[in-house]
């Protein structure tokens, strides 16, 4: 297989990228100048050496300090409200919420959603890691509120119900507020596409 075809196959592993778009990327690179290609190669090398998963919120990050740090910049920030945690599906949701400038707590990234009527929901989300994280916070009396910020879909609702039930059974969070973003979010909305005013309204009216 020639390098161009192999690169197209690699691009097709990206979420939402089909054969035609993958080929467009390849031809764009073929037409690009040497400096542009070298910049991409250097950046990929940097991500290769510095990219890792945060040991606290479980999102992937690629900061320069990641070479020596086990936590992402958000989890390391002592100025954040570590008594509040928002549970999201993926890293893009964290990015979207951060851009609103409304929330200043911490996060937990599930890594997926629970399909409706799933026999093994724990196969789809990081429930063990979430439970362990909450256990530690409850033990240290750090946790005041858990906020679910999941897609406004049937699968999002299924995931929230599973998480809430499991957390209440295992962790013992009687003194911790458990809330969900208000339904000001449009039905079917992915959190990664939320805008500042919509999130602000949903966040303020969470219950």
N, C-alpha and C. Protein backbone atom coordinates (compact mmCIF):
# COMPACT_ATOMS: atom_id res chain seq x y z
N UNK A 1 0.85 -1.21 0.00
CA UNK A 1 0.00 0.00 0.00
C UNK A 1 0.89 1.26 0.00
N UNK A 2 0.57 2.19 -0.90
CA UNK A 2 1.38 3.40 -0.94
C UNK A 2 1.06 4.33 0.23
N UNK A 3 1.98 5.24 0.57
CA UNK A 3 1.80 6.10 1.74
C UNK A 3 0.52 6.93 1.72
N UNK A 4 0.12 7.42 0.55
CA UNK A 4 -1.09 8.25 0.46
C UNK A 4 -2.34 7.46 0.83
N UNK A 5 -2.43 6.23 0.34
CA UNK A 5 -3.59 5.39 0.66
C UNK A 5 -3.59 5.01 2.14
N UNK A 6 -2.40 4.73 2.66
CA UNK A 6 -2.31 4.37 4.08
C UNK A 6 -2.70 5.56 4.96
N UNK A 7 -2.29 6.76 4.58
CA UNK A 7 -2.65 7.95 5.34
C UNK A 7 -4.16 8.17 5.30
N UNK A 8 -4.77 7.93 4.14
CA UNK A 8 -6.23 8.06 4.03
C UNK A 8 -6.92 7.09 4.97
N UNK A 9 -6.39 5.87 5.09
CA UNK A 9 -6.96 4.89 6.02
C UNK A 9 -6.84 5.36 7.47
N UNK A 10 -5.72 5.98 7.79
CA UNK A 10 -5.52 6.50 9.14
C UNK A 10 -6.50 7.63 9.44
N UNK A 11 -6.71 8.52 8.46
CA UNK A 11 -7.68 9.61 8.65
C UNK A 11 -9.09 9.07 8.85
N UNK A 12 -9.42 7.96 8.22
CA UNK A 12 -10.76 7.39 8.33
C UNK A 12 -11.05 6.85 9.73
N UNK A 13 -10.01 6.70 10.54
CA UNK A 13 -10.22 6.27 11.93
C UNK A 13 -10.70 7.44 12.80
N UNK A 14 -10.60 8.67 12.29
CA UNK A 14 -11.09 9.83 13.03
C UNK A 14 -12.62 9.77 13.07
N UNK A 15 -13.23 10.21 14.16
CA UNK A 15 -14.69 10.21 14.26
C UNK A 15 -15.34 11.05 13.16
N UNK A 16 -16.31 10.47 12.47
CA UNK A 16 -17.07 11.21 11.48
C UNK A 16 -16.38 11.42 10.15
N UNK A 17 -15.21 10.81 9.94
CA UNK A 17 -14.48 10.99 8.69
C UNK A 17 -14.67 9.78 7.78
N UNK A 18 -15.22 10.03 6.59
CA UNK A 18 -15.43 8.97 5.62
C UNK A 18 -14.33 8.95 4.57
N UNK A 19 -14.41 8.04 3.59
CA UNK A 19 -13.35 7.88 2.58
C UNK A 19 -13.07 9.15 1.78
N UNK A 20 -14.14 9.86 1.35
CA UNK A 20 -13.93 11.04 0.52
C UNK A 20 -13.24 12.16 1.29
N UNK A 21 -13.69 12.38 2.53
CA UNK A 21 -13.06 13.44 3.32
C UNK A 21 -11.62 13.08 3.67
N UNK A 22 -11.38 11.80 3.92
CA UNK A 22 -10.01 11.35 4.21
C UNK A 22 -9.09 11.62 3.02
N UNK A 23 -9.61 11.36 1.83
CA UNK A 23 -8.82 11.63 0.61
C UNK A 23 -8.56 13.13 0.44
N UNK A 24 -9.55 13.96 0.79
CA UNK A 24 -9.36 15.41 0.70
C UNK A 24 -8.21 15.85 1.59
N UNK A 25 -8.16 15.29 2.80
CA UNK A 25 -7.06 15.62 3.72
C UNK A 25 -5.71 15.24 3.09
N UNK A 26 -5.66 14.04 2.50
CA UNK A 26 -4.41 13.56 1.90
C UNK A 26 -3.96 14.48 0.76
N UNK A 27 -4.88 14.82 -0.14
CA UNK A 27 -4.52 15.68 -1.27
C UNK A 27 -4.14 17.09 -0.81
N UNK A 28 -4.79 17.53 0.27
CA UNK A 28 -4.41 18.84 0.84
C UNK A 28 -2.96 18.80 1.31
N UNK A 29 -2.58 17.72 1.97
CA UNK A 29 -1.20 17.60 2.44
C UNK A 29 -0.22 17.47 1.27
N UNK A 30 -0.62 16.71 0.25
CA UNK A 30 0.25 16.56 -0.91
C UNK A 30 0.51 17.89 -1.60
N UNK A 31 -0.48 18.76 -1.60
CA UNK A 31 -0.33 20.07 -2.24
C UNK A 31 0.40 21.08 -1.36
N UNK A 32 0.48 20.80 -0.07
CA UNK A 32 1.04 21.76 0.88
C UNK A 32 2.56 21.84 0.79
N UNK A 33 3.10 22.96 1.26
CA UNK A 33 4.56 23.12 1.21
C UNK A 33 5.24 22.30 2.31
N UNK A 34 6.55 22.18 2.18
CA UNK A 34 7.34 21.34 3.08
C UNK A 34 7.25 21.81 4.53
N UNK A 35 7.28 23.13 4.73
CA UNK A 35 7.25 23.67 6.09
C UNK A 35 5.95 23.30 6.81
N UNK A 36 4.84 23.35 6.08
CA UNK A 36 3.55 22.99 6.66
C UNK A 36 3.54 21.52 7.09
N UNK A 37 4.06 20.66 6.22
CA UNK A 37 4.12 19.23 6.56
C UNK A 37 5.00 19.00 7.78
N UNK A 38 6.13 19.68 7.82
CA UNK A 38 7.05 19.52 8.95
C UNK A 38 6.42 20.01 10.26
N UNK A 39 5.61 21.07 10.17
CA UNK A 39 4.92 21.60 11.35
C UNK A 39 3.94 20.57 11.89
N UNK A 40 3.23 19.90 10.99
CA UNK A 40 2.30 18.85 11.41
C UNK A 40 3.05 17.70 12.06
N UNK A 41 4.16 17.30 11.46
CA UNK A 41 4.95 16.20 12.02
C UNK A 41 5.48 16.55 13.41
N UNK A 42 5.99 17.78 13.59
CA UNK A 42 6.51 18.21 14.90
C UNK A 42 5.39 18.22 15.95
N UNK A 43 4.21 18.68 15.53
CA UNK A 43 3.09 18.74 16.47
C UNK A 43 2.63 17.35 16.88
N UNK A 44 2.59 16.43 15.91
CA UNK A 44 2.23 15.05 16.23
C UNK A 44 3.24 14.41 17.17
N UNK A 45 4.51 14.72 16.95
CA UNK A 45 5.56 14.21 17.84
C UNK A 45 5.39 14.76 19.25
N UNK A 46 4.99 16.03 19.36
CA UNK A 46 4.78 16.65 20.67
C UNK A 46 3.61 15.99 21.38
N UNK A 47 2.53 15.72 20.64
CA UNK A 47 1.38 15.05 21.22
C UNK A 47 1.75 13.62 21.64
N UNK A 48 2.55 12.98 20.83
CA UNK A 48 2.99 11.62 21.14
C UNK A 48 3.73 11.56 22.47
N UNK A 49 4.55 12.56 22.74
CA UNK A 49 5.37 12.54 23.95
C UNK A 49 4.67 13.14 25.18
N UNK A 50 3.70 14.05 24.95
CA UNK A 50 3.08 14.73 26.09
C UNK A 50 1.63 14.36 26.36
N UNK A 51 0.96 13.77 25.37
CA UNK A 51 -0.46 13.45 25.56
C UNK A 51 -0.67 12.33 26.56
N UNK A 52 -1.63 12.50 27.46
CA UNK A 52 -1.94 11.46 28.43
C UNK A 52 -3.35 11.67 28.99
N UNK A 53 -3.78 10.76 29.82
CA UNK A 53 -5.09 10.83 30.44
C UNK A 53 -4.97 11.30 31.88
N UNK A 54 -5.78 12.28 32.25
CA UNK A 54 -5.75 12.81 33.61
C UNK A 54 -6.18 11.74 34.60
N UNK A 55 -5.44 11.60 35.69
CA UNK A 55 -5.74 10.56 36.68
C UNK A 55 -6.94 10.93 37.55
N UNK A 56 -7.41 12.18 37.43
CA UNK A 56 -8.54 12.61 38.27
C UNK A 56 -9.84 12.72 37.50
N UNK A 57 -9.84 13.43 36.37
CA UNK A 57 -11.09 13.62 35.62
C UNK A 57 -11.19 12.68 34.42
N UNK A 58 -10.10 12.00 34.08
CA UNK A 58 -10.04 11.00 33.02
C UNK A 58 -10.20 11.56 31.61
N UNK A 59 -10.04 12.87 31.44
CA UNK A 59 -10.03 13.39 30.08
C UNK A 59 -8.60 13.34 29.55
N UNK A 60 -8.47 13.21 28.24
CA UNK A 60 -7.15 13.21 27.63
C UNK A 60 -6.70 14.65 27.40
N UNK A 61 -5.43 14.90 27.63
CA UNK A 61 -4.91 16.25 27.44
C UNK A 61 -3.50 16.18 26.89
N UNK A 62 -3.08 17.26 26.23
CA UNK A 62 -1.77 17.26 25.58
C UNK A 62 -0.97 18.50 25.87
N UNK A 63 -0.94 18.90 27.12
CA UNK A 63 -0.19 20.09 27.50
C UNK A 63 1.30 19.79 27.57
N UNK A 64 2.12 20.83 27.47
CA UNK A 64 3.57 20.65 27.56
C UNK A 64 3.95 20.05 28.90
N UNK A 65 3.27 20.50 29.96
CA UNK A 65 3.59 20.01 31.31
C UNK A 65 3.13 18.58 31.53
N UNK A 66 2.36 18.04 30.54
CA UNK A 66 1.84 16.68 30.69
C UNK A 66 2.96 15.64 30.78
N UNK A 67 4.15 16.02 30.31
CA UNK A 67 5.28 15.09 30.37
C UNK A 67 5.59 14.73 31.82
N UNK A 68 5.42 15.70 32.73
CA UNK A 68 5.73 15.45 34.15
C UNK A 68 4.50 15.46 35.05
N UNK A 69 3.36 15.92 34.54
CA UNK A 69 2.16 16.03 35.37
C UNK A 69 1.21 14.87 35.10
N UNK A 70 0.57 14.38 36.17
CA UNK A 70 -0.42 13.32 36.04
C UNK A 70 -1.84 13.87 35.93
N UNK A 71 -2.02 15.15 36.31
CA UNK A 71 -3.33 15.77 36.25
C UNK A 71 -3.34 16.86 35.19
N UNK A 72 -4.52 17.10 34.61
CA UNK A 72 -4.66 18.17 33.63
C UNK A 72 -4.66 19.53 34.34
N UNK A 73 -4.62 20.59 33.56
CA UNK A 73 -4.52 21.94 34.14
C UNK A 73 -5.75 22.30 34.98
N UNK A 74 -6.91 21.78 34.63
CA UNK A 74 -8.12 22.08 35.39
C UNK A 74 -8.06 21.42 36.77
N UNK A 75 -7.70 20.15 36.80
CA UNK A 75 -7.63 19.43 38.07
C UNK A 75 -6.49 19.92 38.96
N UNK A 76 -5.44 20.48 38.34
CA UNK A 76 -4.32 21.01 39.12
C UNK A 76 -4.62 22.39 39.70
N UNK A 77 -5.60 23.07 39.14
CA UNK A 77 -5.88 24.45 39.51
C UNK A 77 -6.53 24.53 40.90
N UNK A 78 -5.78 25.04 41.88
CA UNK A 78 -6.29 25.14 43.25
C UNK A 78 -7.35 26.23 43.37
N UNK A 79 -7.47 27.07 42.37
CA UNK A 79 -8.48 28.12 42.40
C UNK A 79 -9.85 27.63 41.98
N UNK A 80 -9.94 26.41 41.45
CA UNK A 80 -11.24 25.85 41.06
C UNK A 80 -12.01 25.40 42.30
N UNK A 81 -13.32 25.28 42.14
CA UNK A 81 -14.17 24.78 43.22
C UNK A 81 -14.16 23.25 43.16
N UNK A 82 -13.33 22.62 43.97
CA UNK A 82 -13.18 21.17 43.96
C UNK A 82 -14.30 20.46 44.73
N UNK A 83 -15.25 21.21 45.25
CA UNK A 83 -16.38 20.59 45.94
C UNK A 83 -17.53 20.31 44.97
N UNK A 84 -17.41 20.78 43.73
CA UNK A 84 -18.44 20.59 42.72
C UNK A 84 -17.85 19.87 41.53
N UNK A 85 -18.58 18.88 41.01
CA UNK A 85 -18.09 18.12 39.87
C UNK A 85 -19.19 17.96 38.83
N UNK A 86 -18.87 18.27 37.59
CA UNK A 86 -19.79 18.05 36.48
C UNK A 86 -19.40 16.77 35.77
N UNK A 87 -20.37 15.89 35.57
CA UNK A 87 -20.14 14.63 34.88
C UNK A 87 -20.56 14.79 33.42
N UNK A 88 -19.60 14.58 32.51
CA UNK A 88 -19.87 14.75 31.08
C UNK A 88 -19.53 13.47 30.32
N UNK A 89 -19.96 13.44 29.07
CA UNK A 89 -19.69 12.26 28.24
C UNK A 89 -18.26 12.24 27.72
N UNK A 90 -17.75 13.38 27.21
CA UNK A 90 -16.47 13.37 26.50
C UNK A 90 -15.72 14.69 26.68
N UNK A 91 -14.47 14.69 26.21
CA UNK A 91 -13.59 15.85 26.37
C UNK A 91 -14.16 17.10 25.69
N UNK A 92 -14.79 16.95 24.54
CA UNK A 92 -15.35 18.11 23.84
C UNK A 92 -16.40 18.82 24.68
N UNK A 93 -17.08 18.08 25.55
CA UNK A 93 -18.06 18.69 26.44
C UNK A 93 -17.38 19.59 27.46
N UNK A 94 -16.23 19.14 27.96
CA UNK A 94 -15.45 19.95 28.89
C UNK A 94 -15.03 21.25 28.20
N UNK A 95 -14.53 21.13 26.97
CA UNK A 95 -14.09 22.31 26.22
C UNK A 95 -15.23 23.30 26.03
N UNK A 96 -16.41 22.78 25.69
CA UNK A 96 -17.57 23.64 25.44
C UNK A 96 -17.99 24.38 26.70
N UNK A 97 -18.03 23.68 27.83
CA UNK A 97 -18.44 24.30 29.10
C UNK A 97 -17.40 25.33 29.54
N UNK A 98 -16.13 25.01 29.36
CA UNK A 98 -15.07 25.95 29.73
C UNK A 98 -15.17 27.24 28.93
N UNK A 99 -15.54 27.15 27.67
CA UNK A 99 -15.64 28.33 26.82
C UNK A 99 -16.75 29.28 27.27
N UNK A 100 -17.75 28.75 27.97
CA UNK A 100 -18.85 29.62 28.43
C UNK A 100 -18.40 30.55 29.54
N UNK A 101 -17.36 30.14 30.30
CA UNK A 101 -16.89 30.97 31.42
C UNK A 101 -17.88 31.05 32.56
N UNK A 102 -18.80 30.10 32.62
CA UNK A 102 -19.86 30.11 33.64
C UNK A 102 -19.52 29.21 34.82
N UNK A 103 -18.87 28.09 34.55
CA UNK A 103 -18.62 27.07 35.57
C UNK A 103 -17.15 27.05 35.97
N UNK A 104 -16.91 26.95 37.30
CA UNK A 104 -15.54 27.00 37.80
C UNK A 104 -15.21 25.83 38.74
N UNK A 105 -15.98 24.74 38.59
CA UNK A 105 -15.70 23.55 39.37
C UNK A 105 -14.81 22.58 38.61
N UNK A 106 -14.94 21.28 38.92
CA UNK A 106 -14.15 20.25 38.26
C UNK A 106 -15.05 19.36 37.41
N UNK A 107 -14.45 18.36 36.77
CA UNK A 107 -15.17 17.50 35.84
C UNK A 107 -14.86 16.03 36.06
N UNK A 108 -15.73 15.20 35.48
CA UNK A 108 -15.41 13.78 35.32
C UNK A 108 -15.91 13.37 33.94
N UNK A 109 -15.02 12.75 33.14
CA UNK A 109 -15.34 12.36 31.77
C UNK A 109 -15.68 10.87 31.73
N UNK A 110 -16.91 10.56 31.35
CA UNK A 110 -17.39 9.17 31.35
C UNK A 110 -16.77 8.33 30.24
N UNK A 111 -16.49 8.97 29.10
CA UNK A 111 -15.93 8.22 27.98
C UNK A 111 -16.97 7.52 27.12
N UNK A 112 -18.26 7.78 27.38
CA UNK A 112 -19.31 7.15 26.59
C UNK A 112 -20.66 7.32 27.25
N UNK A 113 -21.67 6.65 26.70
CA UNK A 113 -23.03 6.67 27.24
C UNK A 113 -23.55 5.24 27.33
N UNK A 114 -24.55 5.03 28.15
CA UNK A 114 -25.12 3.70 28.33
C UNK A 114 -26.28 3.49 27.37
N UNK A 115 -26.19 2.52 26.46
CA UNK A 115 -27.30 2.24 25.55
C UNK A 115 -28.55 1.80 26.32
N UNK A 116 -29.70 2.13 25.80
CA UNK A 116 -30.96 1.75 26.45
C UNK A 116 -31.07 0.23 26.50
N UNK A 117 -31.51 -0.29 27.66
CA UNK A 117 -31.69 -1.73 27.91
C UNK A 117 -30.38 -2.53 27.85
N UNK A 118 -29.27 -1.85 28.10
CA UNK A 118 -27.99 -2.55 28.10
C UNK A 118 -27.89 -3.51 29.28
N UNK A 119 -27.36 -4.71 29.04
CA UNK A 119 -27.18 -5.70 30.10
C UNK A 119 -25.97 -5.38 30.98
N UNK A 120 -24.96 -4.74 30.38
CA UNK A 120 -23.73 -4.42 31.11
C UNK A 120 -23.38 -2.95 30.92
N UNK A 121 -24.09 -2.05 31.56
CA UNK A 121 -23.83 -0.62 31.40
C UNK A 121 -22.41 -0.21 31.79
N UNK A 122 -21.80 -0.97 32.70
CA UNK A 122 -20.45 -0.63 33.15
C UNK A 122 -19.41 -0.81 32.04
N UNK A 123 -19.79 -1.50 30.95
CA UNK A 123 -18.87 -1.66 29.83
C UNK A 123 -18.76 -0.40 28.98
N UNK A 124 -19.68 0.54 29.18
CA UNK A 124 -19.76 1.71 28.30
C UNK A 124 -19.28 3.01 28.96
N UNK A 125 -19.25 3.04 30.28
CA UNK A 125 -18.84 4.26 30.98
C UNK A 125 -17.86 3.92 32.10
N UNK A 126 -17.14 4.92 32.58
CA UNK A 126 -16.14 4.71 33.63
C UNK A 126 -16.80 4.78 35.00
N UNK A 127 -17.72 3.87 35.25
CA UNK A 127 -18.46 3.92 36.51
C UNK A 127 -17.57 3.56 37.69
N UNK A 128 -16.67 2.61 37.52
CA UNK A 128 -15.78 2.23 38.63
C UNK A 128 -14.89 3.39 39.03
N UNK A 129 -14.34 4.07 38.03
CA UNK A 129 -13.48 5.21 38.29
C UNK A 129 -14.26 6.37 38.93
N UNK A 130 -15.48 6.57 38.47
CA UNK A 130 -16.32 7.63 39.03
C UNK A 130 -16.63 7.35 40.50
N UNK A 131 -17.02 6.12 40.77
CA UNK A 131 -17.33 5.73 42.15
C UNK A 131 -16.11 5.91 43.05
N UNK A 132 -14.94 5.49 42.57
CA UNK A 132 -13.71 5.62 43.37
C UNK A 132 -13.39 7.09 43.64
N UNK A 133 -13.56 7.93 42.62
CA UNK A 133 -13.28 9.36 42.78
C UNK A 133 -14.23 10.00 43.78
N UNK A 134 -15.51 9.66 43.68
CA UNK A 134 -16.51 10.23 44.59
C UNK A 134 -16.31 9.73 46.02
N UNK A 135 -15.95 8.46 46.14
CA UNK A 135 -15.66 7.88 47.47
C UNK A 135 -14.59 8.71 48.17
N UNK A 136 -13.53 9.01 47.44
CA UNK A 136 -12.41 9.77 48.02
C UNK A 136 -12.84 11.16 48.44
N UNK A 137 -13.62 11.83 47.59
CA UNK A 137 -14.08 13.18 47.90
C UNK A 137 -15.04 13.19 49.09
N UNK A 138 -15.93 12.19 49.14
CA UNK A 138 -16.88 12.10 50.27
C UNK A 138 -16.13 11.82 51.57
N UNK A 139 -15.15 10.93 51.49
CA UNK A 139 -14.35 10.58 52.67
C UNK A 139 -13.62 11.81 53.22
N UNK A 140 -13.11 12.63 52.31
CA UNK A 140 -12.38 13.83 52.72
C UNK A 140 -13.31 15.03 52.94
N UNK A 141 -14.61 14.79 52.83
CA UNK A 141 -15.63 15.83 53.02
C UNK A 141 -15.41 17.02 52.09
N UNK A 142 -15.02 16.71 50.86
CA UNK A 142 -14.77 17.75 49.86
C UNK A 142 -15.98 17.98 48.95
N UNK A 143 -16.83 16.97 48.81
CA UNK A 143 -17.88 17.01 47.79
C UNK A 143 -19.18 17.62 48.30
N UNK A 144 -19.70 18.61 47.55
CA UNK A 144 -20.97 19.26 47.89
C UNK A 144 -22.04 19.04 46.82
N UNK A 145 -21.62 18.92 45.54
CA UNK A 145 -22.61 18.76 44.48
C UNK A 145 -22.05 18.00 43.29
N UNK A 146 -22.90 17.11 42.76
CA UNK A 146 -22.62 16.39 41.52
C UNK A 146 -23.64 16.86 40.49
N UNK A 147 -23.15 17.35 39.34
CA UNK A 147 -24.04 17.86 38.30
C UNK A 147 -23.90 16.99 37.06
N UNK A 148 -25.00 16.47 36.57
CA UNK A 148 -24.97 15.68 35.34
C UNK A 148 -25.21 16.61 34.15
N UNK A 149 -24.24 16.64 33.23
CA UNK A 149 -24.35 17.44 32.01
C UNK A 149 -24.20 16.49 30.83
N UNK A 150 -25.26 15.76 30.55
CA UNK A 150 -25.25 14.74 29.51
C UNK A 150 -26.18 15.14 28.38
N UNK A 151 -26.06 14.52 27.20
CA UNK A 151 -26.92 14.88 26.07
C UNK A 151 -28.40 14.79 26.43
N UNK A 152 -29.19 15.69 25.88
CA UNK A 152 -30.63 15.70 26.14
C UNK A 152 -31.29 14.73 25.16
N UNK A 153 -31.04 13.45 25.40
CA UNK A 153 -31.55 12.37 24.57
C UNK A 153 -32.00 11.22 25.47
N UNK A 154 -32.66 10.23 24.88
CA UNK A 154 -33.07 9.06 25.66
C UNK A 154 -31.86 8.33 26.23
N UNK A 155 -30.80 8.25 25.44
CA UNK A 155 -29.58 7.57 25.90
C UNK A 155 -28.91 8.39 27.02
N UNK A 156 -28.95 9.70 26.88
CA UNK A 156 -28.41 10.56 27.94
C UNK A 156 -29.17 10.38 29.24
N UNK A 157 -30.50 10.31 29.13
CA UNK A 157 -31.33 10.11 30.32
C UNK A 157 -31.08 8.74 30.94
N UNK A 158 -30.94 7.72 30.09
CA UNK A 158 -30.66 6.36 30.58
C UNK A 158 -29.34 6.34 31.34
N UNK A 159 -28.35 7.01 30.81
CA UNK A 159 -27.03 7.06 31.45
C UNK A 159 -27.11 7.77 32.79
N UNK A 160 -27.79 8.90 32.83
CA UNK A 160 -27.92 9.65 34.08
C UNK A 160 -28.62 8.81 35.14
N UNK A 161 -29.71 8.14 34.78
CA UNK A 161 -30.45 7.32 35.75
C UNK A 161 -29.57 6.19 36.29
N UNK A 162 -28.81 5.56 35.41
CA UNK A 162 -27.91 4.48 35.84
C UNK A 162 -26.84 5.01 36.79
N UNK A 163 -26.22 6.13 36.43
CA UNK A 163 -25.16 6.70 37.26
C UNK A 163 -25.69 7.12 38.62
N UNK A 164 -26.81 7.82 38.61
CA UNK A 164 -27.37 8.32 39.87
C UNK A 164 -27.74 7.17 40.80
N UNK A 165 -28.37 6.15 40.24
CA UNK A 165 -28.77 4.98 41.05
C UNK A 165 -27.54 4.28 41.63
N UNK A 166 -26.53 4.08 40.80
CA UNK A 166 -25.32 3.39 41.24
C UNK A 166 -24.57 4.18 42.29
N UNK A 167 -24.43 5.48 42.06
CA UNK A 167 -23.71 6.34 43.00
C UNK A 167 -24.40 6.34 44.37
N UNK A 168 -25.71 6.48 44.38
CA UNK A 168 -26.44 6.53 45.64
C UNK A 168 -26.36 5.20 46.39
N UNK A 169 -26.30 4.11 45.65
CA UNK A 169 -26.23 2.79 46.30
C UNK A 169 -24.85 2.49 46.87
N UNK A 170 -23.82 2.91 46.15
CA UNK A 170 -22.45 2.51 46.53
C UNK A 170 -21.71 3.56 47.35
N UNK A 171 -21.79 4.81 46.92
CA UNK A 171 -20.97 5.84 47.55
C UNK A 171 -21.55 6.32 48.86
N UNK A 172 -22.87 6.47 48.93
CA UNK A 172 -23.47 7.02 50.14
C UNK A 172 -23.31 8.51 50.18
N UNK A 173 -24.14 9.21 49.42
CA UNK A 173 -23.98 10.66 49.25
C UNK A 173 -25.21 11.41 49.77
N UNK A 174 -25.71 11.01 50.91
CA UNK A 174 -26.92 11.62 51.45
C UNK A 174 -26.78 13.13 51.64
N UNK A 175 -25.57 13.57 51.95
CA UNK A 175 -25.36 15.00 52.21
C UNK A 175 -24.86 15.75 50.98
N UNK A 176 -24.84 15.08 49.83
CA UNK A 176 -24.36 15.69 48.60
C UNK A 176 -25.53 15.98 47.67
N UNK A 177 -25.57 17.20 47.15
CA UNK A 177 -26.61 17.56 46.20
C UNK A 177 -26.32 16.91 44.85
N UNK A 178 -27.34 16.27 44.25
CA UNK A 178 -27.22 15.67 42.93
C UNK A 178 -28.19 16.40 42.01
N UNK A 179 -27.68 17.03 40.95
CA UNK A 179 -28.53 17.84 40.08
C UNK A 179 -28.26 17.55 38.61
N UNK A 180 -29.18 18.01 37.78
CA UNK A 180 -29.08 17.87 36.33
C UNK A 180 -29.33 19.23 35.71
N UNK A 181 -28.63 19.53 34.63
CA UNK A 181 -28.87 20.79 33.95
C UNK A 181 -30.34 20.91 33.56
N UNK A 182 -30.90 22.09 33.69
CA UNK A 182 -32.32 22.31 33.41
C UNK A 182 -32.64 22.02 31.96
N UNK A 183 -33.89 21.72 31.68
CA UNK A 183 -34.32 21.38 30.33
C UNK A 183 -34.40 22.60 29.41
N UNK A 184 -33.72 23.66 29.78
CA UNK A 184 -33.58 24.79 28.87
C UNK A 184 -32.75 24.38 27.67
N UNK A 185 -31.98 23.28 27.84
CA UNK A 185 -31.23 22.73 26.72
C UNK A 185 -32.20 22.07 25.75
N UNK A 186 -32.03 22.30 24.47
CA UNK A 186 -32.92 21.74 23.46
C UNK A 186 -32.84 20.22 23.45
N UNK A 187 -33.96 19.57 23.21
CA UNK A 187 -33.99 18.11 23.13
C UNK A 187 -33.07 17.65 22.02
N UNK A 188 -32.24 16.65 22.33
CA UNK A 188 -31.31 16.11 21.35
C UNK A 188 -29.98 16.83 21.31
N UNK A 189 -29.83 17.87 22.11
CA UNK A 189 -28.61 18.68 22.07
C UNK A 189 -27.41 17.95 22.67
N UNK A 190 -26.30 17.97 21.96
CA UNK A 190 -25.03 17.49 22.49
C UNK A 190 -24.39 18.64 23.26
N UNK A 191 -23.83 18.35 24.42
CA UNK A 191 -23.24 19.40 25.26
C UNK A 191 -22.12 20.13 24.53
N UNK A 192 -21.41 19.43 23.64
CA UNK A 192 -20.29 20.08 22.95
C UNK A 192 -20.73 21.25 22.06
N UNK A 193 -22.03 21.34 21.74
CA UNK A 193 -22.52 22.41 20.88
C UNK A 193 -23.25 23.52 21.66
N UNK A 194 -23.24 23.43 22.97
CA UNK A 194 -23.99 24.40 23.77
C UNK A 194 -23.33 25.78 23.72
N UNK A 195 -24.14 26.83 23.69
CA UNK A 195 -23.59 28.19 23.72
C UNK A 195 -23.67 28.74 25.14
N UNK A 196 -23.03 29.89 25.35
CA UNK A 196 -22.90 30.45 26.69
C UNK A 196 -24.25 30.76 27.33
N UNK A 197 -25.16 31.44 26.62
CA UNK A 197 -26.43 31.84 27.23
C UNK A 197 -27.30 30.64 27.56
N UNK A 198 -27.30 29.63 26.66
CA UNK A 198 -28.09 28.42 26.91
C UNK A 198 -27.56 27.66 28.10
N UNK A 199 -26.23 27.50 28.16
CA UNK A 199 -25.64 26.77 29.28
C UNK A 199 -25.85 27.53 30.58
N UNK A 200 -25.67 28.83 30.55
CA UNK A 200 -25.84 29.65 31.75
C UNK A 200 -27.25 29.50 32.31
N UNK A 201 -28.25 29.52 31.43
CA UNK A 201 -29.64 29.36 31.86
C UNK A 201 -29.88 27.97 32.43
N UNK A 202 -29.39 26.95 31.74
CA UNK A 202 -29.57 25.57 32.19
C UNK A 202 -28.83 25.32 33.49
N UNK A 203 -27.66 25.92 33.64
CA UNK A 203 -26.84 25.73 34.84
C UNK A 203 -27.51 26.41 36.05
N UNK A 204 -27.99 27.63 35.86
CA UNK A 204 -28.62 28.36 36.97
C UNK A 204 -29.91 27.69 37.43
N UNK A 205 -30.62 27.04 36.50
CA UNK A 205 -31.89 26.42 36.84
C UNK A 205 -31.79 24.90 37.03
N UNK A 206 -30.57 24.42 37.25
CA UNK A 206 -30.38 22.97 37.46
C UNK A 206 -31.15 22.52 38.69
N UNK A 207 -31.56 21.28 38.67
CA UNK A 207 -32.32 20.76 39.82
C UNK A 207 -32.14 19.25 39.95
